Amino acid sequence: MNKLLNIASRILMSQIFILSGLSKITAYTATQGYMAHMGVPGELLPVVIAVELGGGLLLLVGFQVRVVSFLLAGFCVVTAAMAHNNFADQMQLINFMKNLAMAGGLLMFTQYGAGALSLDRGKA
């Protein structure tokens, strides 16, 4: 059962990053505009896509999960602080808390690793 829980956890956590990275590719110009509106230079979009899509895929297959999950957790906290800081807007508050919850889950991967069904298997 633990093996299935490990892979299910990675699938569930990675899908938001993979889908978000892909959506930024398909709506590249609109995403750059949104980033600029939030005070983030649109030129950083390739980095954001690489972090989301690359990090999500690495988490999914279980490669370098401790490092990847730590970096993604930091990304979630920074994104929450920069993009979801209007607490008067209920949706922004929910997204802020969602990002913090994701960071917490990712830190569990940082602590415990990817599990048996991963490319990292057997690494402590």
C-alpha atoms as a PDB file:
ATOM      1  CA  MET A   1       0.000   0.000   0.000  1.00  0.00           C
ATOM      2  CA  ASN A   2       2.864   2.436   0.749  1.00  0.00           C
ATOM      3  CA  LYS A   3       4.178   2.140  -2.812  1.00  0.00           C
ATOM      4  CA  LEU A   4       0.786   3.104  -4.217  1.00  0.00           C
ATOM      5  CA  LEU A   5       0.466   6.011  -1.809  1.00  0.00           C
ATOM      6  CA  ASN A   6       3.939   7.265  -2.809  1.00  0.00           C
ATOM      7  CA  ILE A   7       3.142   7.314  -6.517  1.00  0.00           C
ATOM      8  CA  ALA A   8      -0.381   8.661  -5.965  1.00  0.00           C
ATOM      9  CA  SER A   9       1.058  11.507  -3.888  1.00  0.00           C
ATOM     10  CA  ARG A  10       3.586  12.386  -6.580  1.00  0.00           C
ATOM     11  CA  ILE A  11       0.947  12.242  -9.322  1.00  0.00           C
ATOM     12  CA  LEU A  12      -1.451  14.451  -7.394  1.00  0.00           C
ATOM     13  CA  MET A  13       1.214  16.985  -6.428  1.00  0.00           C
ATOM     14  CA  SER A  14       2.956  17.101  -9.807  1.00  0.00           C
ATOM     15  CA  GLN A  15      -0.131  17.525 -11.966  1.00  0.00           C
ATOM     16  CA  ILE A  16      -0.748  21.137 -10.901  1.00  0.00           C
ATOM     17  CA  PHE A  17       2.784  22.129 -11.911  1.00  0.00           C
ATOM     18  CA  ILE A  18       2.724  20.209 -15.204  1.00  0.00           C
ATOM     19  CA  LEU A  19      -0.664  21.571 -16.257  1.00  0.00           C
ATOM     20  CA  SER A  20       0.224  25.096 -15.145  1.00  0.00           C
ATOM     21  CA  GLY A  21       3.479  25.017 -17.115  1.00  0.00           C
ATOM     22  CA  LEU A  22       1.690  23.739 -20.218  1.00  0.00           C
ATOM     23  CA  SER A  23      -1.027  26.384 -19.925  1.00  0.00           C
ATOM     24  CA  LYS A  24       1.615  29.095 -19.745  1.00  0.00           C
ATOM     25  CA  ILE A  25       3.120  27.805 -22.997  1.00  0.00           C
ATOM     26  CA  THR A  26      -0.238  27.820 -24.774  1.00  0.00           C
ATOM     27  CA  ALA A  27      -1.118  31.306 -23.462  1.00  0.00           C
ATOM     28  CA  TYR A  28       2.392  32.731 -23.522  1.00  0.00           C
ATOM     29  CA  THR A  29       1.615  36.360 -24.360  1.00  0.00           C
ATOM     30  CA  ALA A  30      -1.348  36.565 -21.990  1.00  0.00           C
ATOM     31  CA  THR A  31       0.759  35.070 -19.195  1.00  0.00           C
ATOM     32  CA  GLN A  32       3.527  37.599 -19.805  1.00  0.00           C
ATOM     33  CA  GLY A  33       0.934  40.361 -19.512  1.00  0.00           C
ATOM     34  CA  TYR A  34      -0.427  38.916 -16.268  1.00  0.00           C
ATOM     35  CA  MET A  35       3.081  38.640 -14.843  1.00  0.00           C
ATOM     36  CA  ALA A  36       3.812  42.264 -15.780  1.00  0.00           C
ATOM     37  CA  HIS A  37       0.542  43.316 -14.134  1.00  0.00           C
ATOM     38  CA  MET A  38       1.738  41.585 -10.948  1.00  0.00           C
ATOM     39  CA  GLY A  39       5.084  43.395 -11.097  1.00  0.00           C
ATOM     40  CA  VAL A  40       7.099  40.426 -12.376  1.00  0.00           C
ATOM     41  CA  PRO A  41       9.073  40.943 -15.598  1.00  0.00           C
ATOM     42  CA  GLY A  42       7.505  38.946 -18.436  1.00  0.00           C
ATOM     43  CA  GLU A  43      11.017  37.974 -19.524  1.00  0.00           C
ATOM     44  CA  LEU A  44      11.062  35.560 -16.569  1.00  0.00           C
ATOM     45  CA  LEU A  45       8.274  33.464 -18.084  1.00  0.00           C
ATOM     46  CA  PRO A  46      10.655  30.847 -19.571  1.00  0.00           C
ATOM     47  CA  VAL A  47      12.129  30.352 -16.090  1.00  0.00           C
ATOM     48  CA  VAL A  48       8.654  29.989 -14.572  1.00  0.00           C
ATOM     49  CA  ILE A  49       7.690  27.456 -17.254  1.00  0.00           C
ATOM     50  CA  ALA A  50      10.908  25.503 -16.700  1.00  0.00           C
ATOM     51  CA  VAL A  51      10.340  25.416 -12.941  1.00  0.00           C
ATOM     52  CA  GLU A  52       6.701  24.358 -13.215  1.00  0.00           C
ATOM     53  CA  LEU A  53       6.897  21.933 -16.126  1.00  0.00           C
ATOM     54  CA  GLY A  54      10.384  20.617 -15.418  1.00  0.00           C
ATOM     55  CA  GLY A  55       9.871  20.403 -11.674  1.00  0.00           C
ATOM     56  CA  GLY A  56       6.481  18.773 -12.104  1.00  0.00           C
ATOM     57  CA  LEU A  57       7.841  16.133 -14.473  1.00  0.00           C
ATOM     58  CA  LEU A  58      10.823  15.388 -12.227  1.00  0.00           C
ATOM     59  CA  LEU A  59       8.510  15.031  -9.240  1.00  0.00           C
ATOM     60  CA  LEU A  60       6.208  12.768 -11.249  1.00  0.00           C
ATOM     61  CA  VAL A  61       8.945  10.314 -12.232  1.00  0.00           C
ATOM     62  CA  GLY A  62      10.628  10.591  -8.855  1.00  0.00           C
ATOM     63  CA  PHE A  63      14.026  11.975  -9.883  1.00  0.00           C
ATOM     64  CA  GLN A  64      16.000  14.144  -7.427  1.00  0.00           C
ATOM     65  CA  VAL A  65      12.739  14.559  -5.503  1.00  0.00           C
ATOM     66  CA  ARG A  66      14.276  15.952  -2.330  1.00  0.00           C
ATOM     67  CA  VAL A  67      15.945  18.819  -4.193  1.00  0.00           C
ATOM     68  CA  VAL A  68      13.086  19.381  -6.655  1.00  0.00           C
ATOM     69  CA  SER A  69      10.409  19.407  -3.971  1.00  0.00           C
ATOM     70  CA  PHE A  70      12.405  21.853  -1.844  1.00  0.00           C
ATOM     71  CA  LEU A  71      12.752  24.225  -4.806  1.00  0.00           C
ATOM     72  CA  LEU A  72       9.074  23.856  -5.743  1.00  0.00           C
ATOM     73  CA  ALA A  73       8.085  24.575  -2.131  1.00  0.00           C
ATOM     74  CA  GLY A  74      10.065  27.808  -2.282  1.00  0.00           C
ATOM     75  CA  PHE A  75       8.463  28.625  -5.635  1.00  0.00           C
ATOM     76  CA  CYS A  76       5.016  28.129  -4.073  1.00  0.00           C
ATOM     77  CA  VAL A  77       5.782  30.471  -1.179  1.00  0.00           C
ATOM     78  CA  VAL A  78       7.231  33.167  -3.457  1.00  0.00           C
ATOM     79  CA  THR A  79       4.290  32.850  -5.852  1.00  0.00           C
ATOM     80  CA  ALA A  80       1.825  33.112  -2.973  1.00  0.00           C
ATOM     81  CA  ALA A  81       3.500  36.252  -1.674  1.00  0.00           C
ATOM     82  CA  MET A  82       3.812  37.925  -5.075  1.00  0.00           C
ATOM     83  CA  ALA A  83       0.652  36.908  -6.916  1.00  0.00           C
ATOM     84  CA  HIS A  84      -1.941  36.095  -4.257  1.00  0.00           C
ATOM     85  CA  ASN A  85      -1.485  38.828  -1.669  1.00  0.00           C
ATOM     86  CA  ASN A  86      -4.800  40.675  -2.016  1.00  0.00           C
ATOM     87  CA  PHE A  87      -6.505  39.130   1.017  1.00  0.00           C
ATOM     88  CA  ALA A  88      -9.610  41.290   0.536  1.00  0.00           C
ATOM     89  CA  ASP A  89     -10.328  39.096  -2.517  1.00  0.00           C
ATOM     90  CA  GLN A  90     -11.575  35.722  -1.234  1.00  0.00           C
ATOM     91  CA  MET A  91     -10.193  33.856  -4.278  1.00  0.00           C
ATOM     92  CA  GLN A  92      -6.741  35.363  -3.783  1.00  0.00           C
ATOM     93  CA  LEU A  93      -6.803  34.371  -0.121  1.00  0.00           C
ATOM     94  CA  ILE A  94      -7.773  30.814  -1.076  1.00  0.00           C
ATOM     95  CA  ASN A  95      -4.995  30.674  -3.685  1.00  0.00           C
ATOM     96  CA  PHE A  96      -2.531  32.035  -1.132  1.00  0.00           C
ATOM     97  CA  MET A  97      -3.487  29.296   1.339  1.00  0.00           C
ATOM     98  CA  LYS A  98      -3.432  26.657  -1.438  1.00  0.00           C
ATOM     99  CA  ASN A  99       0.129  27.616  -2.311  1.00  0.00           C
ATOM    100  CA  LEU A 100       1.175  27.386   1.335  1.00  0.00           C
ATOM    101  CA  ALA A 101      -0.512  23.970   1.664  1.00  0.00           C
ATOM    102  CA  MET A 102       1.296  22.784  -1.475  1.00  0.00           C
ATOM    103  CA  ALA A 103       4.585  24.014  -0.005  1.00  0.00           C
ATOM    104  CA  GLY A 104       3.857  21.962   3.117  1.00  0.00           C
ATOM    105  CA  GLY A 105       3.192  18.823   1.086  1.00  0.00           C
ATOM    106  CA  LEU A 106       6.318  19.391  -0.965  1.00  0.00           C
ATOM    107  CA  LEU A 107       8.402  19.729   2.190  1.00  0.00           C
ATOM    108  CA  MET A 108       7.171  16.256   3.178  1.00  0.00           C
ATOM    109  CA  PHE A 109       8.728  14.970  -0.068  1.00  0.00           C
ATOM    110  CA  THR A 110      11.887  16.875   0.853  1.00  0.00           C
ATOM    111  CA  GLN A 111      11.984  15.072   4.179  1.00  0.00           C
ATOM    112  CA  TYR A 112      10.919  11.567   3.121  1.00  0.00           C
ATOM    113  CA  GLY A 113      11.891  11.368  -0.552  1.00  0.00           C
ATOM    114  CA  ALA A 114      10.049   9.932  -3.521  1.00  0.00           C
ATOM    115  CA  GLY A 115       9.355   6.402  -2.336  1.00  0.00           C
ATOM    116  CA  ALA A 116       9.878   2.991  -3.870  1.00  0.00           C
ATOM    117  CA  LEU A 117       8.261   3.516  -7.284  1.00  0.00           C
ATOM    118  CA  SER A 118      10.624   6.247  -8.418  1.00  0.00           C
ATOM    119  CA  LEU A 119      13.909   6.865 -10.171  1.00  0.00           C
ATOM    120  CA  ASP A 120      15.310   7.812  -6.748  1.00  0.00           C
ATOM    121  CA  ARG A 121      14.307   4.497  -5.142  1.00  0.00           C
ATOM    122  CA  GLY A 122      16.751   3.243  -2.618  1.00  0.00           C
ATOM    123  CA  LYS A 123      18.283   6.659  -1.965  1.00  0.00           C
ATOM    124  CA  ALA A 124      18.065   7.904   1.600  1.00  0.00           C
END
